[in-house]
């Protein structure tokens, strides 16, 4: 199914003229960030899944499995997967539900990422009761009506939005009372020695792999830098609480290389 254009339900707010946002280690005008990030993912979309395997030695698959384990999808669940263009989380939810009913709306701001997801043979091979929508939309102004989703998932995306607080507010808006927010994102390593080794890998190996495999060193340097600019676990948990979520919990994965954050609408 082609990615559908939908009405914008969320607030469309402009950045102030003098407002800045992080783009890796640079601070740039906030109004420019979305286009710069789009350029990164346009460039890497066709190699995105392969690069994830190479960059993490396949461990990203275990992290995503852990995310869906914690979600524990029940039959009939309506999920909005934001920034999920290549469909990794949606596929895991569908496989967990098997032939039981459910629905996943895969929302991504990047057409190329959605295109890469729709072309995956995994989706064509799926059979069962889970339905999918592919929607091009902005995490800060979601094309989704309020209080219509049982769960909101977002994996390795929220650090790339211009205003994290707006994305969190939109997550809360689209969730029903009793709805679940679940985020998987790179975070701060809390294991001595591992943090230094991870820095060496991130800033030396990742750009080199990006150059050799995807033909794009700069995009993978940005991705490594964006991880370091993302708030640490406790600070991000506080932002989720400020957005109005309750029972916020954090689970570190692989010593804090990645972390899961969970919250509920009550």
C-alpha atoms as a PDB file:
ATOM      1  CA  UNK A   1       0.000   0.000   0.000  1.00  0.00           C
ATOM      2  CA  UNK A   2       1.350   3.437  -0.852  1.00  0.00           C
ATOM      3  CA  UNK A   3       2.123   5.896   1.913  1.00  0.00           C
ATOM      4  CA  UNK A   4      -0.981   7.977   2.421  1.00  0.00           C
ATOM      5  CA  UNK A   5      -1.107  11.698   2.999  1.00  0.00           C
ATOM      6  CA  UNK A   6      -3.418  12.506   5.892  1.00  0.00           C
ATOM      7  CA  UNK A   7      -4.776  15.687   7.409  1.00  0.00           C
ATOM      8  CA  UNK A   8      -2.632  17.221  10.129  1.00  0.00           C
ATOM      9  CA  UNK A   9      -4.401  16.878  13.457  1.00  0.00           C
ATOM     10  CA  UNK A  10      -1.541  17.980  15.654  1.00  0.00           C
ATOM     11  CA  UNK A  11      -0.431  21.589  16.103  1.00  0.00           C
ATOM     12  CA  UNK A  12       1.666  23.124  13.329  1.00  0.00           C
ATOM     13  CA  UNK A  13       4.061  25.412  15.187  1.00  0.00           C
ATOM     14  CA  UNK A  14       6.910  27.324  13.588  1.00  0.00           C
ATOM     15  CA  UNK A  15      10.345  27.706  15.121  1.00  0.00           C
ATOM     16  CA  UNK A  16      11.282  31.181  16.343  1.00  0.00           C
ATOM     17  CA  UNK A  17      13.648  33.026  13.951  1.00  0.00           C
ATOM     18  CA  UNK A  18      16.527  32.988  16.460  1.00  0.00           C
ATOM     19  CA  UNK A  19      15.886  29.461  17.793  1.00  0.00           C
ATOM     20  CA  UNK A  20      18.625  26.881  17.345  1.00  0.00           C
ATOM     21  CA  UNK A  21      18.649  23.080  17.398  1.00  0.00           C
ATOM     22  CA  UNK A  22      21.404  20.488  17.536  1.00  0.00           C
ATOM     23  CA  UNK A  23      22.472  18.757  14.347  1.00  0.00           C
ATOM     24  CA  UNK A  24      25.121  16.394  15.580  1.00  0.00           C
ATOM     25  CA  UNK A  25      27.706  18.550  17.331  1.00  0.00           C
ATOM     26  CA  UNK A  26      26.585  21.675  15.445  1.00  0.00           C
ATOM     27  CA  UNK A  27      23.934  24.144  16.525  1.00  0.00           C
ATOM     28  CA  UNK A  28      21.918  25.246  13.492  1.00  0.00           C
ATOM     29  CA  UNK A  29      18.748  27.335  12.990  1.00  0.00           C
ATOM     30  CA  UNK A  30      15.878  25.182  14.260  1.00  0.00           C
ATOM     31  CA  UNK A  31      13.908  25.822  11.079  1.00  0.00           C
ATOM     32  CA  UNK A  32      16.625  24.019   9.084  1.00  0.00           C
ATOM     33  CA  UNK A  33      16.917  20.837  11.125  1.00  0.00           C
ATOM     34  CA  UNK A  34      14.049  18.840   9.614  1.00  0.00           C
ATOM     35  CA  UNK A  35      15.397  19.334   6.094  1.00  0.00           C
ATOM     36  CA  UNK A  36      18.938  18.443   7.169  1.00  0.00           C
ATOM     37  CA  UNK A  37      17.748  15.258   8.901  1.00  0.00           C
ATOM     38  CA  UNK A  38      15.636  14.390   5.859  1.00  0.00           C
ATOM     39  CA  UNK A  39      18.758  14.633   3.734  1.00  0.00           C
ATOM     40  CA  UNK A  40      20.563  12.197   6.010  1.00  0.00           C
ATOM     41  CA  UNK A  41      17.816   9.584   5.824  1.00  0.00           C
ATOM     42  CA  UNK A  42      17.219  10.078   2.098  1.00  0.00           C
ATOM     43  CA  UNK A  43      20.863   9.161   1.695  1.00  0.00           C
ATOM     44  CA  UNK A  44      20.916   6.105   3.963  1.00  0.00           C
ATOM     45  CA  UNK A  45      17.418   4.652   3.391  1.00  0.00           C
ATOM     46  CA  UNK A  46      18.367   1.945   0.903  1.00  0.00           C
ATOM     47  CA  UNK A  47      21.151   0.624   3.182  1.00  0.00           C
ATOM     48  CA  UNK A  48      19.525   1.448   6.506  1.00  0.00           C
ATOM     49  CA  UNK A  49      18.697  -2.084   7.666  1.00  0.00           C
ATOM     50  CA  UNK A  50      22.037  -3.494   6.497  1.00  0.00           C
ATOM     51  CA  UNK A  51      23.893  -0.669   8.235  1.00  0.00           C
ATOM     52  CA  UNK A  52      21.992  -1.295  11.465  1.00  0.00           C
ATOM     53  CA  UNK A  53      23.261  -4.875  11.419  1.00  0.00           C
ATOM     54  CA  UNK A  54      26.831  -3.808  10.704  1.00  0.00           C
ATOM     55  CA  UNK A  55      26.876  -0.934  13.201  1.00  0.00           C
ATOM     56  CA  UNK A  56      25.539  -3.005  16.093  1.00  0.00           C
ATOM     57  CA  UNK A  57      26.784  -6.469  15.095  1.00  0.00           C
ATOM     58  CA  UNK A  58      23.105  -7.409  14.911  1.00  0.00           C
ATOM     59  CA  UNK A  59      22.399  -6.436  18.534  1.00  0.00           C
ATOM     60  CA  UNK A  60      19.775  -3.883  17.430  1.00  0.00           C
ATOM     61  CA  UNK A  61      17.556  -6.895  16.680  1.00  0.00           C
ATOM     62  CA  UNK A  62      17.737  -7.975  20.336  1.00  0.00           C
ATOM     63  CA  UNK A  63      16.945  -4.431  21.482  1.00  0.00           C
ATOM     64  CA  UNK A  64      13.883  -4.284  19.229  1.00  0.00           C
ATOM     65  CA  UNK A  65      12.787  -7.715  20.440  1.00  0.00           C
ATOM     66  CA  UNK A  66      13.097  -6.418  24.010  1.00  0.00           C
ATOM     67  CA  UNK A  67      10.940  -3.422  23.093  1.00  0.00           C
ATOM     68  CA  UNK A  68       8.138  -5.591  21.733  1.00  0.00           C
ATOM     69  CA  UNK A  69       8.506  -7.989  24.670  1.00  0.00           C
ATOM     70  CA  UNK A  70       7.855  -5.074  27.027  1.00  0.00           C
ATOM     71  CA  UNK A  71       4.966  -3.845  24.877  1.00  0.00           C
ATOM     72  CA  UNK A  72       3.458  -7.350  25.027  1.00  0.00           C
ATOM     73  CA  UNK A  73       0.874  -6.635  22.295  1.00  0.00           C
ATOM     74  CA  UNK A  74      -2.609  -7.998  22.917  1.00  0.00           C
ATOM     75  CA  UNK A  75      -5.130  -8.905  20.182  1.00  0.00           C
ATOM     76  CA  UNK A  76      -6.933  -5.862  18.786  1.00  0.00           C
ATOM     77  CA  UNK A  77      -4.133  -3.454  19.728  1.00  0.00           C
ATOM     78  CA  UNK A  78      -3.897  -0.264  17.648  1.00  0.00           C
ATOM     79  CA  UNK A  79      -0.298   0.906  17.458  1.00  0.00           C
ATOM     80  CA  UNK A  80       1.218   4.052  16.007  1.00  0.00           C
ATOM     81  CA  UNK A  81       4.877   3.400  15.174  1.00  0.00           C
ATOM     82  CA  UNK A  82       6.555   6.770  14.628  1.00  0.00           C
ATOM     83  CA  UNK A  83       9.772   6.979  12.661  1.00  0.00           C
ATOM     84  CA  UNK A  84       9.212   3.344  11.749  1.00  0.00           C
ATOM     85  CA  UNK A  85       9.760   3.664   8.003  1.00  0.00           C
ATOM     86  CA  UNK A  86      11.529   0.367   7.381  1.00  0.00           C
ATOM     87  CA  UNK A  87       8.999  -1.541   9.459  1.00  0.00           C
ATOM     88  CA  UNK A  88      11.202  -3.374  11.962  1.00  0.00           C
ATOM     89  CA  UNK A  89       8.943  -2.724  14.959  1.00  0.00           C
ATOM     90  CA  UNK A  90       5.717  -3.229  12.987  1.00  0.00           C
ATOM     91  CA  UNK A  91       6.940  -6.609  11.762  1.00  0.00           C
ATOM     92  CA  UNK A  92       7.790  -7.725  15.264  1.00  0.00           C
ATOM     93  CA  UNK A  93       4.366  -6.712  16.539  1.00  0.00           C
ATOM     94  CA  UNK A  94       2.678  -8.567  13.666  1.00  0.00           C
ATOM     95  CA  UNK A  95       4.707 -11.700  14.277  1.00  0.00           C
ATOM     96  CA  UNK A  96       3.880 -11.586  17.965  1.00  0.00           C
ATOM     97  CA  UNK A  97       0.166 -11.314  17.241  1.00  0.00           C
ATOM     98  CA  UNK A  98       0.395 -14.011  14.520  1.00  0.00           C
ATOM     99  CA  UNK A  99      -3.090 -14.493  13.053  1.00  0.00           C
ATOM    100  CA  UNK A 100      -4.846 -12.472  15.744  1.00  0.00           C
ATOM    101  CA  UNK A 101      -6.274  -9.038  14.931  1.00  0.00           C
ATOM    102  CA  UNK A 102      -4.382  -5.822  15.356  1.00  0.00           C
ATOM    103  CA  UNK A 103      -3.349  -2.732  13.428  1.00  0.00           C
ATOM    104  CA  UNK A 104      -0.083  -0.827  13.054  1.00  0.00           C
ATOM    105  CA  UNK A 105       0.152   2.630  11.498  1.00  0.00           C
ATOM    106  CA  UNK A 106       3.734   3.196  10.385  1.00  0.00           C
ATOM    107  CA  UNK A 107       4.418   6.929  10.321  1.00  0.00           C
ATOM    108  CA  UNK A 108       7.637   8.462   9.033  1.00  0.00           C
ATOM    109  CA  UNK A 109       8.482  11.925   7.760  1.00  0.00           C
ATOM    110  CA  UNK A 110      10.790  10.453   5.132  1.00  0.00           C
ATOM    111  CA  UNK A 111       9.312   9.078   1.895  1.00  0.00           C
ATOM    112  CA  UNK A 112      12.465   7.111   1.098  1.00  0.00           C
ATOM    113  CA  UNK A 113      12.367   5.269   4.415  1.00  0.00           C
ATOM    114  CA  UNK A 114       8.702   4.388   3.900  1.00  0.00           C
ATOM    115  CA  UNK A 115       9.497   3.219   0.388  1.00  0.00           C
ATOM    116  CA  UNK A 116      12.253   0.958   1.731  1.00  0.00           C
ATOM    117  CA  UNK A 117       9.839  -0.504   4.271  1.00  0.00           C
ATOM    118  CA  UNK A 118       7.038  -1.166   1.787  1.00  0.00           C
ATOM    119  CA  UNK A 119       9.443  -3.019  -0.487  1.00  0.00           C
ATOM    120  CA  UNK A 120      10.487  -5.512   2.172  1.00  0.00           C
ATOM    121  CA  UNK A 121       9.637  -9.089   1.351  1.00  0.00           C
ATOM    122  CA  UNK A 122       8.889  -9.684   5.060  1.00  0.00           C
ATOM    123  CA  UNK A 123       5.651  -7.711   4.768  1.00  0.00           C
ATOM    124  CA  UNK A 124       4.599  -9.472   1.590  1.00  0.00           C
ATOM    125  CA  UNK A 125       5.102 -12.846   3.282  1.00  0.00           C
ATOM    126  CA  UNK A 126       2.952 -11.948   6.300  1.00  0.00           C
ATOM    127  CA  UNK A 127      -0.463 -13.481   6.619  1.00  0.00           C
ATOM    128  CA  UNK A 128      -2.960 -13.015   9.400  1.00  0.00           C
ATOM    129  CA  UNK A 129      -5.136 -10.484  11.060  1.00  0.00           C
ATOM    130  CA  UNK A 130      -2.741  -7.551  11.462  1.00  0.00           C
ATOM    131  CA  UNK A 131      -3.376  -4.586   9.176  1.00  0.00           C
ATOM    132  CA  UNK A 132      -0.873  -1.896   8.211  1.00  0.00           C
ATOM    133  CA  UNK A 133      -1.029   1.715   7.103  1.00  0.00           C
ATOM    134  CA  UNK A 134       1.993   3.615   5.769  1.00  0.00           C
ATOM    135  CA  UNK A 135       1.693   7.328   6.482  1.00  0.00           C
ATOM    136  CA  UNK A 136       4.057  10.188   5.774  1.00  0.00           C
ATOM    137  CA  UNK A 137       3.901  12.537   8.738  1.00  0.00           C
ATOM    138  CA  UNK A 138       5.848  14.659  11.191  1.00  0.00           C
ATOM    139  CA  UNK A 139       6.341  13.451  14.798  1.00  0.00           C
ATOM    140  CA  UNK A 140       5.734  17.037  15.948  1.00  0.00           C
ATOM    141  CA  UNK A 141       2.397  17.331  14.123  1.00  0.00           C
ATOM    142  CA  UNK A 142       1.038  13.830  13.671  1.00  0.00           C
ATOM    143  CA  UNK A 143      -1.633  13.175  11.025  1.00  0.00           C
ATOM    144  CA  UNK A 144      -3.583  11.120  13.563  1.00  0.00           C
ATOM    145  CA  UNK A 145      -6.770  12.030  15.481  1.00  0.00           C
ATOM    146  CA  UNK A 146      -6.561  12.475  19.235  1.00  0.00           C
ATOM    147  CA  UNK A 147      -7.140   9.544  21.600  1.00  0.00           C
ATOM    148  CA  UNK A 148      -7.264   6.890  18.897  1.00  0.00           C
ATOM    149  CA  UNK A 149      -4.212   4.723  19.638  1.00  0.00           C
ATOM    150  CA  UNK A 150      -3.599   2.074  22.282  1.00  0.00           C
ATOM    151  CA  UNK A 151       0.168   2.302  21.984  1.00  0.00           C
ATOM    152  CA  UNK A 152       2.773   4.660  20.543  1.00  0.00           C
ATOM    153  CA  UNK A 153       6.173   3.212  19.705  1.00  0.00           C
ATOM    154  CA  UNK A 154       9.240   5.053  18.490  1.00  0.00           C
ATOM    155  CA  UNK A 155      12.644   3.437  17.917  1.00  0.00           C
ATOM    156  CA  UNK A 156      15.863   5.332  17.170  1.00  0.00           C
ATOM    157  CA  UNK A 157      13.952   8.349  15.929  1.00  0.00           C
ATOM    158  CA  UNK A 158      13.123  10.804  18.680  1.00  0.00           C
ATOM    159  CA  UNK A 159      16.664  12.160  18.953  1.00  0.00           C
ATOM    160  CA  UNK A 160      16.322  13.362  15.348  1.00  0.00           C
ATOM    161  CA  UNK A 161      13.239  15.538  15.842  1.00  0.00           C
ATOM    162  CA  UNK A 162      13.714  19.273  16.213  1.00  0.00           C
ATOM    163  CA  UNK A 163      11.601  19.686  19.368  1.00  0.00           C
ATOM    164  CA  UNK A 164      11.500  16.572  21.549  1.00  0.00           C
ATOM    165  CA  UNK A 165       8.940  18.158  23.864  1.00  0.00           C
ATOM    166  CA  UNK A 166       6.520  18.677  20.955  1.00  0.00           C
ATOM    167  CA  UNK A 167       6.945  15.078  19.811  1.00  0.00           C
ATOM    168  CA  UNK A 168       6.174  13.865  23.342  1.00  0.00           C
ATOM    169  CA  UNK A 169       3.115  16.113  23.541  1.00  0.00           C
ATOM    170  CA  UNK A 170       1.879  14.639  20.248  1.00  0.00           C
ATOM    171  CA  UNK A 171       2.462  11.119  21.552  1.00  0.00           C
ATOM    172  CA  UNK A 172       0.256  11.848  24.528  1.00  0.00           C
ATOM    173  CA  UNK A 173      -2.400  13.511  22.367  1.00  0.00           C
ATOM    174  CA  UNK A 174      -2.943  10.516  20.088  1.00  0.00           C
ATOM    175  CA  UNK A 175      -3.078   7.928  22.895  1.00  0.00           C
ATOM    176  CA  UNK A 176      -6.312   6.798  24.488  1.00  0.00           C
ATOM    177  CA  UNK A 177      -6.668   6.861  28.282  1.00  0.00           C
ATOM    178  CA  UNK A 178      -4.726   3.796  29.396  1.00  0.00           C
ATOM    179  CA  UNK A 179      -2.475   4.063  26.329  1.00  0.00           C
ATOM    180  CA  UNK A 180       1.228   3.206  26.398  1.00  0.00           C
ATOM    181  CA  UNK A 181       4.245   5.215  25.239  1.00  0.00           C
ATOM    182  CA  UNK A 182       7.336   3.139  24.525  1.00  0.00           C
ATOM    183  CA  UNK A 183      10.605   4.550  23.200  1.00  0.00           C
ATOM    184  CA  UNK A 184      13.818   2.763  22.216  1.00  0.00           C
ATOM    185  CA  UNK A 185      16.745   5.105  21.754  1.00  0.00           C
ATOM    186  CA  UNK A 186      20.503   5.210  22.021  1.00  0.00           C
ATOM    187  CA  UNK A 187      21.488   6.493  25.435  1.00  0.00           C
ATOM    188  CA  UNK A 188      24.392   6.961  27.865  1.00  0.00           C
ATOM    189  CA  UNK A 189      26.708   4.050  28.616  1.00  0.00           C
ATOM    190  CA  UNK A 190      27.002   3.495  32.364  1.00  0.00           C
ATOM    191  CA  UNK A 191      29.675   0.778  32.390  1.00  0.00           C
ATOM    192  CA  UNK A 192      33.330   1.818  32.920  1.00  0.00           C
ATOM    193  CA  UNK A 193      35.654   1.041  29.990  1.00  0.00           C
ATOM    194  CA  UNK A 194      32.663   0.180  27.770  1.00  0.00           C
ATOM    195  CA  UNK A 195      31.947   3.908  27.428  1.00  0.00           C
ATOM    196  CA  UNK A 196      35.444   4.575  26.054  1.00  0.00           C
ATOM    197  CA  UNK A 197      35.317   1.600  23.702  1.00  0.00           C
ATOM    198  CA  UNK A 198      31.892   2.709  22.485  1.00  0.00           C
ATOM    199  CA  UNK A 199      33.209   6.206  21.744  1.00  0.00           C
ATOM    200  CA  UNK A 200      36.073   4.764  19.709  1.00  0.00           C
ATOM    201  CA  UNK A 201      33.646   2.591  17.748  1.00  0.00           C
ATOM    202  CA  UNK A 202      31.133   5.390  17.195  1.00  0.00           C
ATOM    203  CA  UNK A 203      33.486   8.089  15.986  1.00  0.00           C
ATOM    204  CA  UNK A 204      35.959   5.970  14.055  1.00  0.00           C
ATOM    205  CA  UNK A 205      34.377   2.729  12.863  1.00  0.00           C
ATOM    206  CA  UNK A 206      30.828   3.930  12.124  1.00  0.00           C
ATOM    207  CA  UNK A 207      31.731   6.727   9.679  1.00  0.00           C
ATOM    208  CA  UNK A 208      34.184   4.378   7.948  1.00  0.00           C
ATOM    209  CA  UNK A 209      31.546   1.639   7.594  1.00  0.00           C
ATOM    210  CA  UNK A 210      29.112   4.271   6.312  1.00  0.00           C
ATOM    211  CA  UNK A 211      31.621   5.417   3.721  1.00  0.00           C
ATOM    212  CA  UNK A 212      32.411   1.907   2.495  1.00  0.00           C
ATOM    213  CA  UNK A 213      28.931   0.349   2.552  1.00  0.00           C
ATOM    214  CA  UNK A 214      26.515   3.250   2.088  1.00  0.00           C
ATOM    215  CA  UNK A 215      28.877   5.665   0.348  1.00  0.00           C
ATOM    216  CA  UNK A 216      28.115   8.305   2.990  1.00  0.00           C
ATOM    217  CA  UNK A 217      30.612   9.072   5.752  1.00  0.00           C
ATOM    218  CA  UNK A 218      29.041  12.364   6.848  1.00  0.00           C
ATOM    219  CA  UNK A 219      25.566  10.956   7.571  1.00  0.00           C
ATOM    220  CA  UNK A 220      26.975   8.313   9.873  1.00  0.00           C
ATOM    221  CA  UNK A 221      29.178  10.859  11.610  1.00  0.00           C
ATOM    222  CA  UNK A 222      25.996  12.887  12.232  1.00  0.00           C
ATOM    223  CA  UNK A 223      24.202   9.816  13.611  1.00  0.00           C
ATOM    224  CA  UNK A 224      27.052   9.155  16.062  1.00  0.00           C
ATOM    225  CA  UNK A 225      27.129  12.792  17.135  1.00  0.00           C
ATOM    226  CA  UNK A 226      23.340  12.967  17.549  1.00  0.00           C
ATOM    227  CA  UNK A 227      23.500  10.132  20.082  1.00  0.00           C
ATOM    228  CA  UNK A 228      25.865  12.174  22.271  1.00  0.00           C
ATOM    229  CA  UNK A 229      23.565  15.205  22.155  1.00  0.00           C
ATOM    230  CA  UNK A 230      20.504  13.214  23.260  1.00  0.00           C
ATOM    231  CA  UNK A 231      19.525  13.605  26.950  1.00  0.00           C
ATOM    232  CA  UNK A 232      20.718  10.884  29.353  1.00  0.00           C
ATOM    233  CA  UNK A 233      18.218   8.380  30.707  1.00  0.00           C
ATOM    234  CA  UNK A 234      17.045  10.291  33.799  1.00  0.00           C
ATOM    235  CA  UNK A 235      16.709  13.592  31.937  1.00  0.00           C
ATOM    236  CA  UNK A 236      14.675  12.019  29.153  1.00  0.00           C
ATOM    237  CA  UNK A 237      12.467  10.269  31.721  1.00  0.00           C
ATOM    238  CA  UNK A 238      11.822  13.679  33.299  1.00  0.00           C
ATOM    239  CA  UNK A 239      10.805  15.067  29.892  1.00  0.00           C
ATOM    240  CA  UNK A 240       8.320  12.208  29.449  1.00  0.00           C
ATOM    241  CA  UNK A 241       6.819  12.975  32.850  1.00  0.00           C
ATOM    242  CA  UNK A 242       6.622  16.688  31.976  1.00  0.00           C
ATOM    243  CA  UNK A 243       4.621  15.727  28.878  1.00  0.00           C
ATOM    244  CA  UNK A 244       1.967  14.250  31.173  1.00  0.00           C
ATOM    245  CA  UNK A 245       2.834  10.557  31.220  1.00  0.00           C
ATOM    246  CA  UNK A 246       2.590   8.520  34.414  1.00  0.00           C
ATOM    247  CA  UNK A 247       4.460   5.478  35.738  1.00  0.00           C
ATOM    248  CA  UNK A 248       7.549   6.356  33.708  1.00  0.00           C
ATOM    249  CA  UNK A 249      10.160   3.609  33.793  1.00  0.00           C
ATOM    250  CA  UNK A 250      13.570   3.077  32.194  1.00  0.00           C
ATOM    251  CA  UNK A 251      15.373  -0.112  31.196  1.00  0.00           C
ATOM    252  CA  UNK A 252      18.987   0.000  30.089  1.00  0.00           C
ATOM    253  CA  UNK A 253      20.095  -2.326  27.316  1.00  0.00           C
ATOM    254  CA  UNK A 254      23.704  -3.422  26.719  1.00  0.00           C
ATOM    255  CA  UNK A 255      25.059  -1.300  29.544  1.00  0.00           C
ATOM    256  CA  UNK A 256      23.148   1.795  28.486  1.00  0.00           C
ATOM    257  CA  UNK A 257      24.197   1.846  24.827  1.00  0.00           C
ATOM    258  CA  UNK A 258      20.444   1.865  24.271  1.00  0.00           C
ATOM    259  CA  UNK A 259      17.554   2.365  26.669  1.00  0.00           C
ATOM    260  CA  UNK A 260      13.823   1.752  26.762  1.00  0.00           C
ATOM    261  CA  UNK A 261      11.526   4.396  28.247  1.00  0.00           C
ATOM    262  CA  UNK A 262       7.912   3.579  29.061  1.00  0.00           C
ATOM    263  CA  UNK A 263       5.014   5.767  30.183  1.00  0.00           C
ATOM    264  CA  UNK A 264       1.236   5.566  30.461  1.00  0.00           C
ATOM    265  CA  UNK A 265      -1.719   7.889  29.904  1.00  0.00           C
ATOM    266  CA  UNK A 266      -4.017   7.787  32.918  1.00  0.00           C
END
